[in-house]
């Protein structure tokens, strides 16, 4: 009887500690690794930074296009830009023209190909 009481006095608290440790470990693991955990938050931050970089690049491209469009529209039209665009779209060249093919600069977008 004494052995049984002493064994129960040791094993019962030990079982409760193991059970509560397992439950705590379960919740801690999910707090770190679950879809709303700490690692997911880091992944979301990384995705936000990548998307913000893409938005900034697209904004620069949009501003470059707006500058080009402003040269082709409005009260005064840049005749050189208009001439360049019409020749590029029509694929025509005058027999007296001297043509230089230049690579577009990094800030100016390439003209769209129809």
Protein backbone atom coordinates (compact mmCIF):
# COMPACT_ATOMS: atom_id res chain seq x y z
CA UNK A 1 0.00 0.00 0.00
CA UNK A 2 2.75 2.38 0.86
CA UNK A 3 4.45 1.68 -2.44
CA UNK A 4 1.23 2.32 -4.32
CA UNK A 5 0.65 5.69 -2.58
CA UNK A 6 4.22 6.79 -3.12
CA UNK A 7 4.12 5.69 -6.80
CA UNK A 8 0.83 7.57 -7.28
CA UNK A 9 2.29 10.63 -5.56
CA UNK A 10 5.18 10.64 -8.06
CA UNK A 11 3.49 9.53 -11.29
CA UNK A 12 0.32 11.66 -11.06
CA UNK A 13 2.16 15.04 -10.93
CA UNK A 14 4.65 13.77 -13.52
CA UNK A 15 1.79 12.87 -15.87
CA UNK A 16 0.21 16.30 -15.35
CA UNK A 17 3.53 18.03 -16.08
CA UNK A 18 3.99 15.97 -19.25
CA UNK A 19 0.43 16.68 -20.39
CA UNK A 20 0.68 20.41 -19.76
CA UNK A 21 4.12 20.49 -21.42
CA UNK A 22 2.71 18.76 -24.49
CA UNK A 23 -0.23 21.20 -24.68
CA UNK A 24 2.12 24.17 -24.26
CA UNK A 25 4.45 22.81 -26.93
CA UNK A 26 1.53 22.33 -29.30
CA UNK A 27 0.37 25.93 -28.93
CA UNK A 28 3.91 27.30 -29.11
CA UNK A 29 4.65 25.37 -32.30
CA UNK A 30 1.48 26.72 -33.94
CA UNK A 31 2.26 30.26 -32.77
CA UNK A 32 5.53 30.10 -34.67
CA UNK A 33 4.78 27.90 -37.70
CA UNK A 34 1.07 28.25 -38.43
CA UNK A 35 -0.42 30.28 -41.29
CA UNK A 36 -0.74 33.29 -38.96
CA UNK A 37 2.43 32.62 -36.99
CA UNK A 38 5.69 34.50 -36.73
CA UNK A 39 7.27 32.88 -39.78
CA UNK A 40 4.23 33.68 -41.89
CA UNK A 41 4.52 37.31 -40.79
CA UNK A 42 8.13 37.39 -42.04
CA UNK A 43 7.03 35.91 -45.37
CA UNK A 44 4.31 38.53 -45.69
CA UNK A 45 6.81 41.31 -44.99
CA UNK A 46 9.12 39.93 -47.68
CA UNK A 47 6.25 39.75 -50.18
CA UNK A 48 5.21 43.31 -49.34
CA UNK A 49 8.76 44.56 -49.98
CA UNK A 50 8.94 42.72 -53.33
CA UNK A 51 5.57 44.08 -54.43
CA UNK A 52 6.51 47.61 -53.34
CA UNK A 53 9.66 47.38 -55.47
CA UNK A 54 7.55 46.31 -58.45
CA UNK A 55 5.14 49.19 -57.86
CA UNK A 56 8.03 51.66 -57.78
CA UNK A 57 9.42 50.27 -61.06
CA UNK A 58 6.01 50.50 -62.73
CA UNK A 59 5.59 54.06 -61.45
CA UNK A 60 8.90 55.07 -63.06
CA UNK A 61 7.84 53.40 -66.30
CA UNK A 62 4.49 55.19 -66.19
CA UNK A 63 6.18 58.55 -65.69
CA UNK A 64 8.49 57.88 -68.65
CA UNK A 65 5.47 57.05 -70.82
CA UNK A 66 3.69 60.19 -69.64
CA UNK A 67 6.68 62.29 -70.70
CA UNK A 68 6.67 60.68 -74.14
CA UNK A 69 2.92 61.09 -74.51
CA UNK A 70 3.14 64.74 -73.46
CA UNK A 71 5.57 65.30 -76.33
CA UNK A 72 3.11 63.80 -78.83
CA UNK A 73 -0.07 65.44 -77.59
CA UNK A 74 -1.21 68.83 -76.46
CA UNK A 75 -1.07 72.28 -78.01
CA UNK A 76 2.52 71.90 -79.22
CA UNK A 77 3.72 68.64 -80.69
CA UNK A 78 7.39 67.77 -80.82
CA UNK A 79 7.87 67.26 -84.55
CA UNK A 80 10.93 65.05 -84.18
CA UNK A 81 9.13 62.71 -81.83
CA UNK A 82 6.08 62.63 -84.11
CA UNK A 83 8.25 61.90 -87.13
CA UNK A 84 10.13 59.16 -85.28
CA UNK A 85 6.92 57.52 -84.13
CA UNK A 86 5.23 57.60 -87.53
CA UNK A 87 8.29 56.16 -89.26
CA UNK A 88 8.57 53.41 -86.64
CA UNK A 89 4.91 52.46 -86.94
CA UNK A 90 4.69 52.62 -90.72
CA UNK A 91 8.10 51.08 -91.34
CA UNK A 92 8.83 53.70 -94.01
CA UNK A 93 12.05 55.54 -94.71
CA UNK A 94 12.74 58.34 -97.17
CA UNK A 95 15.44 57.58 -99.74
CA UNK A 96 17.54 60.52 -98.50
CA UNK A 97 17.34 59.59 -94.82
CA UNK A 98 20.35 58.45 -92.88
CA UNK A 99 19.25 56.12 -90.10
CA UNK A 100 21.09 55.40 -86.85
CA UNK A 101 19.73 52.64 -84.66
CA UNK A 102 20.30 53.54 -81.02
CA UNK A 103 19.57 51.50 -77.95
CA UNK A 104 16.95 53.20 -75.77
CA UNK A 105 18.20 54.67 -72.53
CA UNK A 106 17.35 53.02 -69.21
CA UNK A 107 14.85 55.70 -68.13
CA UNK A 108 12.96 55.81 -71.46
CA UNK A 109 10.72 52.81 -72.23
CA UNK A 110 10.95 51.16 -75.60
CA UNK A 111 8.29 52.13 -78.12
CA UNK A 112 5.46 49.60 -78.39
CA UNK A 113 5.50 47.26 -81.33
CA UNK A 114 2.12 46.94 -83.09
